Amino acid sequence: MSTFNLEPGTSFQCLSIPIKVVKETAIDPSTGQQVLKCGFRVGGGIDQDFRQSPGFTDNGIYITEVHPDGPAYRAGLRVGDKILQCNGYDFTIVTHKKAVEYIKKGQVVNLLIARRGVT
């Protein structure tokens, strides 16, 4: 079963929520170098066992942490949101590593997310 209690491959309508996160510059404490921060962490991916992660119901990419008062928080991202797309790239069948690579690219992260209770 998936987030929406459907079998894989079943067609359904889903309201995707667009969220634009503009990264902020920060200093990496371990290197002292300037880096871009988006203010959230993700978990999941087709290479992960979702049964090991409480709250995950499939192999999608989920928001696991949103830093208070960071760019993602101000943009409206919430813990538990499922990323469907990032900057035009399909996140429904992506490895964790590839998802992180796509999120790290560029200054702006344009997401389409699905949120429980919003269908």
N, C-alpha and C. Protein backbone atom coordinates (compact mmCIF):
# COMPACT_ATOMS: atom_id res chain seq x y z
N MET A 1 0.83 -1.19 0.00
CA MET A 1 0.00 0.00 0.00
C MET A 1 0.87 1.25 0.00
N SER A 2 0.33 2.32 -0.50
CA SER A 2 1.07 3.57 -0.59
C SER A 2 0.49 4.60 0.36
N THR A 3 1.00 5.80 0.28
CA THR A 3 0.53 6.90 1.11
C THR A 3 -0.97 7.09 1.00
N PHE A 4 -1.52 6.83 -0.17
CA PHE A 4 -2.94 7.07 -0.39
C PHE A 4 -3.76 5.78 -0.38
N ASN A 5 -3.19 4.72 0.20
CA ASN A 5 -3.87 3.44 0.35
C ASN A 5 -4.34 2.87 -0.98
N LEU A 6 -3.48 2.93 -1.98
CA LEU A 6 -3.76 2.37 -3.29
C LEU A 6 -2.68 1.36 -3.63
N GLU A 7 -3.02 0.42 -4.47
CA GLU A 7 -2.03 -0.54 -4.94
C GLU A 7 -1.12 0.13 -5.96
N PRO A 8 0.15 -0.27 -6.04
CA PRO A 8 1.05 0.31 -7.04
C PRO A 8 0.47 0.16 -8.44
N GLY A 9 0.61 1.22 -9.23
CA GLY A 9 0.12 1.21 -10.61
C GLY A 9 -1.32 1.67 -10.76
N THR A 10 -2.03 1.88 -9.65
CA THR A 10 -3.41 2.33 -9.70
C THR A 10 -3.45 3.83 -9.97
N SER A 11 -4.24 4.24 -10.94
CA SER A 11 -4.40 5.64 -11.29
C SER A 11 -5.30 6.33 -10.28
N PHE A 12 -4.95 7.58 -9.92
CA PHE A 12 -5.80 8.37 -9.04
C PHE A 12 -5.46 9.84 -9.20
N GLN A 13 -6.36 10.71 -8.75
CA GLN A 13 -6.11 12.14 -8.80
C GLN A 13 -5.51 12.57 -7.47
N CYS A 14 -4.52 13.43 -7.53
CA CYS A 14 -3.84 13.88 -6.33
C CYS A 14 -3.56 15.37 -6.47
N LEU A 15 -3.89 16.12 -5.46
CA LEU A 15 -3.56 17.54 -5.45
C LEU A 15 -2.11 17.67 -5.03
N SER A 16 -1.27 18.11 -5.94
CA SER A 16 0.13 18.34 -5.58
C SER A 16 0.27 19.81 -5.20
N ILE A 17 1.06 20.05 -4.18
CA ILE A 17 1.26 21.39 -3.66
C ILE A 17 2.63 21.89 -4.12
N PRO A 18 2.67 22.99 -4.85
CA PRO A 18 3.97 23.53 -5.27
C PRO A 18 4.61 24.31 -4.12
N ILE A 19 5.87 24.05 -3.88
CA ILE A 19 6.62 24.77 -2.84
C ILE A 19 7.96 25.18 -3.43
N LYS A 20 8.28 26.45 -3.29
CA LYS A 20 9.55 26.98 -3.79
C LYS A 20 10.43 27.34 -2.59
N VAL A 21 11.57 26.66 -2.49
CA VAL A 21 12.52 26.91 -1.41
C VAL A 21 13.74 27.61 -2.01
N VAL A 22 14.01 28.81 -1.54
CA VAL A 22 15.20 29.56 -1.96
C VAL A 22 16.26 29.36 -0.88
N LYS A 23 17.34 28.72 -1.25
CA LYS A 23 18.40 28.40 -0.30
C LYS A 23 19.08 29.66 0.22
N GLU A 24 19.60 29.53 1.45
CA GLU A 24 20.34 30.62 2.07
C GLU A 24 21.79 30.21 2.25
N THR A 25 22.67 31.18 2.22
CA THR A 25 24.08 30.88 2.46
C THR A 25 24.34 30.77 3.95
N ALA A 26 25.22 29.86 4.29
CA ALA A 26 25.62 29.63 5.68
C ALA A 26 27.06 29.15 5.67
N ILE A 27 27.67 29.15 6.83
CA ILE A 27 29.03 28.66 6.98
C ILE A 27 28.97 27.23 7.53
N ASP A 28 29.59 26.30 6.83
CA ASP A 28 29.67 24.91 7.29
C ASP A 28 30.66 24.86 8.45
N PRO A 29 30.19 24.47 9.65
CA PRO A 29 31.07 24.48 10.82
C PRO A 29 32.26 23.52 10.71
N SER A 30 32.10 22.45 9.94
CA SER A 30 33.20 21.48 9.84
C SER A 30 34.30 21.92 8.89
N THR A 31 33.93 22.73 7.86
CA THR A 31 34.93 23.14 6.88
C THR A 31 35.23 24.65 6.91
N GLY A 32 34.30 25.42 7.49
CA GLY A 32 34.46 26.87 7.50
C GLY A 32 34.13 27.52 6.17
N GLN A 33 33.65 26.74 5.21
CA GLN A 33 33.32 27.27 3.89
C GLN A 33 31.85 27.63 3.79
N GLN A 34 31.57 28.55 2.87
CA GLN A 34 30.21 28.97 2.63
C GLN A 34 29.46 27.90 1.83
N VAL A 35 28.24 27.57 2.27
CA VAL A 35 27.42 26.56 1.60
C VAL A 35 25.99 27.09 1.48
N LEU A 36 25.22 26.47 0.59
CA LEU A 36 23.80 26.80 0.45
C LEU A 36 22.98 25.82 1.28
N LYS A 37 22.08 26.33 2.10
CA LYS A 37 21.23 25.50 2.96
C LYS A 37 19.77 25.71 2.60
N CYS A 38 19.03 24.59 2.53
CA CYS A 38 17.60 24.69 2.23
C CYS A 38 16.74 24.49 3.48
N GLY A 39 17.32 23.95 4.53
CA GLY A 39 16.60 23.87 5.80
C GLY A 39 15.69 22.66 5.95
N PHE A 40 15.97 21.57 5.23
CA PHE A 40 15.20 20.35 5.45
C PHE A 40 16.05 19.13 5.15
N ARG A 41 15.60 17.98 5.66
CA ARG A 41 16.24 16.69 5.41
C ARG A 41 15.19 15.75 4.85
N VAL A 42 15.68 14.77 4.09
CA VAL A 42 14.78 13.79 3.49
C VAL A 42 15.18 12.37 3.89
N GLY A 43 14.23 11.48 3.77
CA GLY A 43 14.46 10.06 3.96
C GLY A 43 13.70 9.30 2.90
N GLY A 44 14.04 8.03 2.77
CA GLY A 44 13.34 7.18 1.81
C GLY A 44 14.10 7.02 0.52
N GLY A 45 13.42 6.44 -0.45
CA GLY A 45 14.01 6.16 -1.76
C GLY A 45 13.80 4.71 -2.13
N ILE A 46 13.90 4.41 -3.43
CA ILE A 46 13.64 3.05 -3.88
C ILE A 46 14.70 2.06 -3.41
N ASP A 47 15.83 2.58 -2.93
CA ASP A 47 16.90 1.71 -2.43
C ASP A 47 16.82 1.51 -0.91
N GLN A 48 15.79 2.03 -0.27
CA GLN A 48 15.63 1.95 1.18
C GLN A 48 14.43 1.04 1.52
N ASP A 49 14.46 0.46 2.71
CA ASP A 49 13.33 -0.34 3.19
C ASP A 49 12.44 0.57 4.03
N PHE A 50 11.31 1.00 3.46
CA PHE A 50 10.44 1.96 4.14
C PHE A 50 9.89 1.42 5.46
N ARG A 51 9.87 0.11 5.62
CA ARG A 51 9.34 -0.47 6.87
C ARG A 51 10.24 -0.17 8.06
N GLN A 52 11.46 0.28 7.80
CA GLN A 52 12.40 0.64 8.87
C GLN A 52 12.20 2.09 9.34
N SER A 53 11.33 2.83 8.67
CA SER A 53 11.13 4.24 8.99
C SER A 53 9.69 4.48 9.41
N PRO A 54 9.46 4.83 10.67
CA PRO A 54 8.09 5.10 11.12
C PRO A 54 7.44 6.21 10.31
N GLY A 55 6.23 5.98 9.88
CA GLY A 55 5.48 6.97 9.13
C GLY A 55 5.58 6.83 7.62
N PHE A 56 6.61 6.15 7.11
CA PHE A 56 6.71 5.96 5.67
C PHE A 56 5.81 4.79 5.29
N THR A 57 5.10 4.94 4.17
CA THR A 57 4.21 3.87 3.73
C THR A 57 4.60 3.33 2.36
N ASP A 58 5.68 3.87 1.79
CA ASP A 58 6.17 3.39 0.51
C ASP A 58 7.62 3.87 0.32
N ASN A 59 8.19 3.61 -0.84
CA ASN A 59 9.60 3.95 -1.09
C ASN A 59 9.79 5.36 -1.64
N GLY A 60 8.85 6.24 -1.42
CA GLY A 60 8.98 7.62 -1.87
C GLY A 60 10.01 8.38 -1.05
N ILE A 61 10.24 9.63 -1.42
CA ILE A 61 11.13 10.53 -0.70
C ILE A 61 10.26 11.41 0.19
N TYR A 62 10.52 11.36 1.49
CA TYR A 62 9.73 12.08 2.48
C TYR A 62 10.57 13.11 3.23
N ILE A 63 9.92 14.18 3.64
CA ILE A 63 10.56 15.19 4.48
C ILE A 63 10.61 14.64 5.91
N THR A 64 11.81 14.53 6.46
CA THR A 64 11.97 13.97 7.81
C THR A 64 12.30 15.03 8.85
N GLU A 65 12.75 16.19 8.39
CA GLU A 65 13.09 17.27 9.31
C GLU A 65 12.99 18.61 8.59
N VAL A 66 12.41 19.58 9.26
CA VAL A 66 12.35 20.95 8.76
C VAL A 66 12.91 21.84 9.86
N HIS A 67 13.97 22.57 9.54
CA HIS A 67 14.62 23.41 10.54
C HIS A 67 13.77 24.64 10.83
N PRO A 68 13.50 24.90 12.10
CA PRO A 68 12.66 26.05 12.46
C PRO A 68 13.25 27.35 11.91
N ASP A 69 12.39 28.13 11.32
CA ASP A 69 12.73 29.45 10.79
C ASP A 69 13.72 29.40 9.63
N GLY A 70 13.90 28.23 9.01
CA GLY A 70 14.76 28.12 7.83
C GLY A 70 13.96 28.36 6.56
N PRO A 71 14.63 28.33 5.41
CA PRO A 71 13.94 28.58 4.13
C PRO A 71 12.78 27.62 3.87
N ALA A 72 12.96 26.34 4.16
CA ALA A 72 11.89 25.36 3.92
C ALA A 72 10.69 25.61 4.83
N TYR A 73 10.97 25.95 6.07
CA TYR A 73 9.90 26.25 7.03
C TYR A 73 9.08 27.45 6.54
N ARG A 74 9.77 28.51 6.13
CA ARG A 74 9.08 29.71 5.66
C ARG A 74 8.31 29.45 4.36
N ALA A 75 8.78 28.49 3.56
CA ALA A 75 8.09 28.16 2.30
C ALA A 75 6.86 27.28 2.53
N GLY A 76 6.72 26.71 3.73
CA GLY A 76 5.53 25.91 4.04
C GLY A 76 5.74 24.41 4.02
N LEU A 77 6.98 23.95 3.90
CA LEU A 77 7.26 22.52 3.90
C LEU A 77 7.03 21.96 5.30
N ARG A 78 6.51 20.72 5.38
CA ARG A 78 6.22 20.09 6.67
C ARG A 78 6.82 18.69 6.74
N VAL A 79 7.15 18.27 7.94
CA VAL A 79 7.60 16.89 8.16
C VAL A 79 6.47 15.96 7.72
N GLY A 80 6.82 14.92 6.97
CA GLY A 80 5.83 13.97 6.47
C GLY A 80 5.40 14.23 5.05
N ASP A 81 5.71 15.40 4.50
CA ASP A 81 5.39 15.68 3.10
C ASP A 81 6.16 14.70 2.22
N LYS A 82 5.53 14.26 1.15
CA LYS A 82 6.17 13.36 0.18
C LYS A 82 6.51 14.16 -1.06
N ILE A 83 7.79 14.13 -1.47
CA ILE A 83 8.20 14.87 -2.66
C ILE A 83 7.86 14.04 -3.90
N LEU A 84 7.04 14.62 -4.77
CA LEU A 84 6.67 13.98 -6.02
C LEU A 84 7.62 14.39 -7.14
N GLN A 85 8.10 15.63 -7.05
CA GLN A 85 8.95 16.17 -8.11
C GLN A 85 9.85 17.26 -7.51
N CYS A 86 11.08 17.34 -8.02
CA CYS A 86 12.03 18.37 -7.61
C CYS A 86 12.66 18.97 -8.85
N ASN A 87 12.44 20.26 -9.06
CA ASN A 87 12.95 20.96 -10.25
C ASN A 87 12.68 20.18 -11.54
N GLY A 88 11.47 19.62 -11.62
CA GLY A 88 11.05 18.91 -12.82
C GLY A 88 11.44 17.45 -12.89
N TYR A 89 12.21 16.97 -11.92
CA TYR A 89 12.66 15.58 -11.92
C TYR A 89 11.69 14.73 -11.09
N ASP A 90 11.26 13.61 -11.65
CA ASP A 90 10.31 12.70 -10.99
C ASP A 90 10.97 12.05 -9.77
N PHE A 91 10.37 12.27 -8.59
CA PHE A 91 10.91 11.70 -7.35
C PHE A 91 10.12 10.47 -6.89
N THR A 92 9.20 9.98 -7.70
CA THR A 92 8.40 8.83 -7.26
C THR A 92 9.17 7.52 -7.40
N ILE A 93 10.21 7.51 -8.23
CA ILE A 93 11.04 6.31 -8.39
C ILE A 93 12.51 6.72 -8.44
N VAL A 94 13.03 7.16 -7.30
CA VAL A 94 14.39 7.66 -7.23
C VAL A 94 15.09 7.09 -6.00
N THR A 95 16.40 6.88 -6.11
CA THR A 95 17.17 6.44 -4.94
C THR A 95 17.37 7.62 -4.00
N HIS A 96 17.70 7.31 -2.75
CA HIS A 96 17.94 8.35 -1.76
C HIS A 96 19.10 9.25 -2.21
N LYS A 97 20.18 8.63 -2.64
CA LYS A 97 21.37 9.39 -3.06
C LYS A 97 21.06 10.33 -4.21
N LYS A 98 20.34 9.86 -5.20
CA LYS A 98 19.99 10.69 -6.37
C LYS A 98 19.07 11.84 -5.93
N ALA A 99 18.14 11.58 -5.02
CA ALA A 99 17.25 12.63 -4.53
C ALA A 99 18.06 13.75 -3.87
N VAL A 100 19.00 13.37 -3.02
CA VAL A 100 19.83 14.37 -2.34
C VAL A 100 20.64 15.17 -3.36
N GLU A 101 21.18 14.50 -4.38
CA GLU A 101 21.94 15.20 -5.43
C GLU A 101 21.08 16.26 -6.12
N TYR A 102 19.84 15.92 -6.47
CA TYR A 102 18.97 16.86 -7.16
C TYR A 102 18.58 18.02 -6.25
N ILE A 103 18.36 17.75 -4.97
CA ILE A 103 18.00 18.82 -4.03
C ILE A 103 19.17 19.78 -3.85
N LYS A 104 20.39 19.27 -3.86
CA LYS A 104 21.57 20.11 -3.64
C LYS A 104 21.92 21.01 -4.83
N LYS A 105 21.40 20.67 -6.02
CA LYS A 105 21.69 21.47 -7.22
C LYS A 105 21.01 22.83 -7.14
N GLY A 106 21.75 23.86 -7.47
CA GLY A 106 21.17 25.19 -7.64
C GLY A 106 20.74 25.91 -6.38
N GLN A 107 20.38 27.16 -6.56
CA GLN A 107 19.97 28.06 -5.47
C GLN A 107 18.50 27.89 -5.09
N VAL A 108 17.67 27.43 -6.04
CA VAL A 108 16.23 27.31 -5.82
C VAL A 108 15.81 25.85 -5.97
N VAL A 109 14.95 25.40 -5.06
CA VAL A 109 14.40 24.05 -5.13
C VAL A 109 12.89 24.18 -5.32
N ASN A 110 12.41 23.84 -6.52
CA ASN A 110 10.98 23.86 -6.80
C ASN A 110 10.45 22.45 -6.60
N LEU A 111 9.58 22.30 -5.60
CA LEU A 111 9.05 20.99 -5.25
C LEU A 111 7.56 20.89 -5.57
N LEU A 112 7.13 19.70 -5.93
CA LEU A 112 5.71 19.34 -5.91
C LEU A 112 5.61 18.28 -4.84
N ILE A 113 4.76 18.53 -3.86
CA ILE A 113 4.65 17.58 -2.76
C ILE A 113 3.21 17.10 -2.61
N ALA A 114 3.08 15.93 -1.99
CA ALA A 114 1.78 15.41 -1.57
C ALA A 114 1.78 15.44 -0.06
N ARG A 115 0.64 15.82 0.51
CA ARG A 115 0.52 15.92 1.96
C ARG A 115 -0.70 15.12 2.41
N ARG A 116 -0.51 14.30 3.41
CA ARG A 116 -1.63 13.52 3.93
C ARG A 116 -2.76 14.44 4.31
N GLY A 117 -3.97 14.04 3.96
CA GLY A 117 -5.15 14.84 4.27
C GLY A 117 -5.50 15.85 3.18
N VAL A 118 -4.61 16.01 2.18
CA VAL A 118 -4.87 16.93 1.08
C VAL A 118 -4.89 16.09 -0.19
N THR A 119 -6.09 15.68 -0.63
CA THR A 119 -6.21 14.86 -1.84
C THR A 119 -7.24 15.46 -2.78
